[in-house]
């Protein structure tokens, strides 16, 4: 039960952070449509390019995304252990992103 709760909370937080970041990054593109066409990983790369995220944070977010893609297929012990190994960084990065979005 706790493992599934962790997986779902992680997934939802990562997805919502991407949606919110997309809104924040839109002014850096010539049109809203251009920003909307970014795939999830390119969104984080672009955010680092424009200084909204550090390069290290963007790299961690790419790792989070890879992990999230595994949650669709595996809610087992291995996934939970992997997610727990970086959850402190994930929480810190989520708080930092909140500050970026609130600016």
C-alpha atoms as a PDB file:
ATOM      1  CA  UNK A   1       0.000   0.000   0.000  1.00  0.00           C
ATOM      2  CA  UNK A   2       2.754   2.465   0.940  1.00  0.00           C
ATOM      3  CA  UNK A   3       4.798   1.518  -2.109  1.00  0.00           C
ATOM      4  CA  UNK A   4       1.852   2.240  -4.405  1.00  0.00           C
ATOM      5  CA  UNK A   5       1.162   5.531  -2.648  1.00  0.00           C
ATOM      6  CA  UNK A   6       4.788   6.569  -3.124  1.00  0.00           C
ATOM      7  CA  UNK A   7       4.668   5.646  -6.819  1.00  0.00           C
ATOM      8  CA  UNK A   8       1.447   7.539  -7.493  1.00  0.00           C
ATOM      9  CA  UNK A   9       2.506  10.636  -5.566  1.00  0.00           C
ATOM     10  CA  UNK A  10       5.837  10.672  -7.373  1.00  0.00           C
ATOM     11  CA  UNK A  11       4.114  10.311 -10.768  1.00  0.00           C
ATOM     12  CA  UNK A  12       1.540  13.006 -10.104  1.00  0.00           C
ATOM     13  CA  UNK A  13       4.074  15.477  -8.736  1.00  0.00           C
ATOM     14  CA  UNK A  14       6.407  14.971 -11.680  1.00  0.00           C
ATOM     15  CA  UNK A  15       3.580  15.363 -14.214  1.00  0.00           C
ATOM     16  CA  UNK A  16       2.211  18.493 -12.551  1.00  0.00           C
ATOM     17  CA  UNK A  17       5.657  20.045 -12.276  1.00  0.00           C
ATOM     18  CA  UNK A  18       6.098  19.576 -16.026  1.00  0.00           C
ATOM     19  CA  UNK A  19       2.768  21.231 -16.781  1.00  0.00           C
ATOM     20  CA  UNK A  20       3.525  24.181 -14.525  1.00  0.00           C
ATOM     21  CA  UNK A  21       7.039  24.567 -15.916  1.00  0.00           C
ATOM     22  CA  UNK A  22       5.628  24.555 -19.451  1.00  0.00           C
ATOM     23  CA  UNK A  23       3.538  27.623 -18.554  1.00  0.00           C
ATOM     24  CA  UNK A  24       6.578  29.344 -17.056  1.00  0.00           C
ATOM     25  CA  UNK A  25       8.812  28.637 -20.061  1.00  0.00           C
ATOM     26  CA  UNK A  26       6.306  29.727 -22.733  1.00  0.00           C
ATOM     27  CA  UNK A  27       7.532  33.369 -22.876  1.00  0.00           C
ATOM     28  CA  UNK A  28      10.965  32.118 -24.004  1.00  0.00           C
ATOM     29  CA  UNK A  29       9.459  30.768 -27.236  1.00  0.00           C
ATOM     30  CA  UNK A  30       8.091  32.672 -30.221  1.00  0.00           C
ATOM     31  CA  UNK A  31       4.622  31.147 -29.762  1.00  0.00           C
ATOM     32  CA  UNK A  32       2.715  29.185 -27.158  1.00  0.00           C
ATOM     33  CA  UNK A  33       2.396  26.379 -29.678  1.00  0.00           C
ATOM     34  CA  UNK A  34       6.200  26.141 -29.939  1.00  0.00           C
ATOM     35  CA  UNK A  35       6.458  25.627 -26.188  1.00  0.00           C
ATOM     36  CA  UNK A  36       3.554  23.173 -26.204  1.00  0.00           C
ATOM     37  CA  UNK A  37       5.318  20.930 -28.715  1.00  0.00           C
ATOM     38  CA  UNK A  38       8.274  20.253 -26.395  1.00  0.00           C
ATOM     39  CA  UNK A  39       8.432  16.665 -25.237  1.00  0.00           C
ATOM     40  CA  UNK A  40       8.805  16.253 -21.505  1.00  0.00           C
ATOM     41  CA  UNK A  41      12.578  15.812 -21.456  1.00  0.00           C
ATOM     42  CA  UNK A  42      13.159  18.737 -23.830  1.00  0.00           C
ATOM     43  CA  UNK A  43      11.057  20.880 -21.530  1.00  0.00           C
ATOM     44  CA  UNK A  44      13.559  20.369 -18.709  1.00  0.00           C
ATOM     45  CA  UNK A  45      16.537  20.832 -21.019  1.00  0.00           C
ATOM     46  CA  UNK A  46      15.063  24.129 -22.223  1.00  0.00           C
ATOM     47  CA  UNK A  47      14.364  25.249 -18.664  1.00  0.00           C
ATOM     48  CA  UNK A  48      18.062  24.761 -17.897  1.00  0.00           C
ATOM     49  CA  UNK A  49      19.045  26.554 -21.091  1.00  0.00           C
ATOM     50  CA  UNK A  50      17.006  29.603 -20.065  1.00  0.00           C
ATOM     51  CA  UNK A  51      18.181  29.535 -16.446  1.00  0.00           C
ATOM     52  CA  UNK A  52      14.952  28.390 -14.841  1.00  0.00           C
ATOM     53  CA  UNK A  53      16.642  25.202 -13.596  1.00  0.00           C
ATOM     54  CA  UNK A  54      20.283  24.422 -12.963  1.00  0.00           C
ATOM     55  CA  UNK A  55      21.983  21.919 -15.256  1.00  0.00           C
ATOM     56  CA  UNK A  56      22.242  19.499 -12.322  1.00  0.00           C
ATOM     57  CA  UNK A  57      18.554  19.814 -11.518  1.00  0.00           C
ATOM     58  CA  UNK A  58      17.613  19.296 -15.163  1.00  0.00           C
ATOM     59  CA  UNK A  59      19.778  16.161 -15.259  1.00  0.00           C
ATOM     60  CA  UNK A  60      18.084  14.840 -12.118  1.00  0.00           C
ATOM     61  CA  UNK A  61      14.670  15.557 -13.637  1.00  0.00           C
ATOM     62  CA  UNK A  62      15.624  13.497 -16.682  1.00  0.00           C
ATOM     63  CA  UNK A  63      16.466  10.668 -14.288  1.00  0.00           C
ATOM     64  CA  UNK A  64      13.143  11.151 -12.517  1.00  0.00           C
ATOM     65  CA  UNK A  65      11.352  10.957 -15.855  1.00  0.00           C
ATOM     66  CA  UNK A  66      13.105   7.717 -16.750  1.00  0.00           C
ATOM     67  CA  UNK A  67      12.107   6.317 -13.380  1.00  0.00           C
ATOM     68  CA  UNK A  68       8.538   7.510 -13.822  1.00  0.00           C
ATOM     69  CA  UNK A  69       8.330   5.716 -17.164  1.00  0.00           C
ATOM     70  CA  UNK A  70       9.161   2.505 -15.316  1.00  0.00           C
ATOM     71  CA  UNK A  71       6.305   3.035 -12.840  1.00  0.00           C
ATOM     72  CA  UNK A  72       3.797   2.411 -15.598  1.00  0.00           C
ATOM     73  CA  UNK A  73       5.047  -1.173 -15.758  1.00  0.00           C
ATOM     74  CA  UNK A  74       6.557  -1.934 -12.370  1.00  0.00           C
ATOM     75  CA  UNK A  75       5.266  -1.062  -8.915  1.00  0.00           C
ATOM     76  CA  UNK A  76       7.462  -3.729  -7.375  1.00  0.00           C
ATOM     77  CA  UNK A  77      10.104  -3.592  -4.703  1.00  0.00           C
ATOM     78  CA  UNK A  78      12.914  -2.693  -7.148  1.00  0.00           C
ATOM     79  CA  UNK A  79      11.057   0.393  -8.357  1.00  0.00           C
ATOM     80  CA  UNK A  80      10.271   1.469  -4.813  1.00  0.00           C
ATOM     81  CA  UNK A  81      13.904   1.113  -3.741  1.00  0.00           C
ATOM     82  CA  UNK A  82      15.114   3.105  -6.754  1.00  0.00           C
ATOM     83  CA  UNK A  83      12.561   5.838  -6.138  1.00  0.00           C
ATOM     84  CA  UNK A  84      13.397   6.008  -2.452  1.00  0.00           C
ATOM     85  CA  UNK A  85      17.082   6.396  -3.301  1.00  0.00           C
ATOM     86  CA  UNK A  86      16.457   9.839  -4.809  1.00  0.00           C
ATOM     87  CA  UNK A  87      13.235  10.973  -3.124  1.00  0.00           C
ATOM     88  CA  UNK A  88      15.030  13.545  -0.929  1.00  0.00           C
ATOM     89  CA  UNK A  89      16.507  15.211  -4.022  1.00  0.00           C
ATOM     90  CA  UNK A  90      13.122  14.988  -5.738  1.00  0.00           C
ATOM     91  CA  UNK A  91      11.396  16.789  -2.856  1.00  0.00           C
ATOM     92  CA  UNK A  92      14.121  19.451  -2.801  1.00  0.00           C
ATOM     93  CA  UNK A  93      13.826  19.907  -6.575  1.00  0.00           C
ATOM     94  CA  UNK A  94      10.032  20.150  -6.320  1.00  0.00           C
ATOM     95  CA  UNK A  95      10.371  22.921  -3.728  1.00  0.00           C
ATOM     96  CA  UNK A  96      12.912  24.751  -5.904  1.00  0.00           C
ATOM     97  CA  UNK A  97      10.610  24.490  -8.901  1.00  0.00           C
ATOM     98  CA  UNK A  98       7.768  25.947  -6.839  1.00  0.00           C
ATOM     99  CA  UNK A  99       9.939  29.001  -6.203  1.00  0.00           C
ATOM    100  CA  UNK A 100      10.711  29.329  -9.929  1.00  0.00           C
ATOM    101  CA  UNK A 101       7.032  29.071 -10.817  1.00  0.00           C
ATOM    102  CA  UNK A 102       6.024  31.568  -8.129  1.00  0.00           C
ATOM    103  CA  UNK A 103       8.470  34.217  -9.394  1.00  0.00           C
END
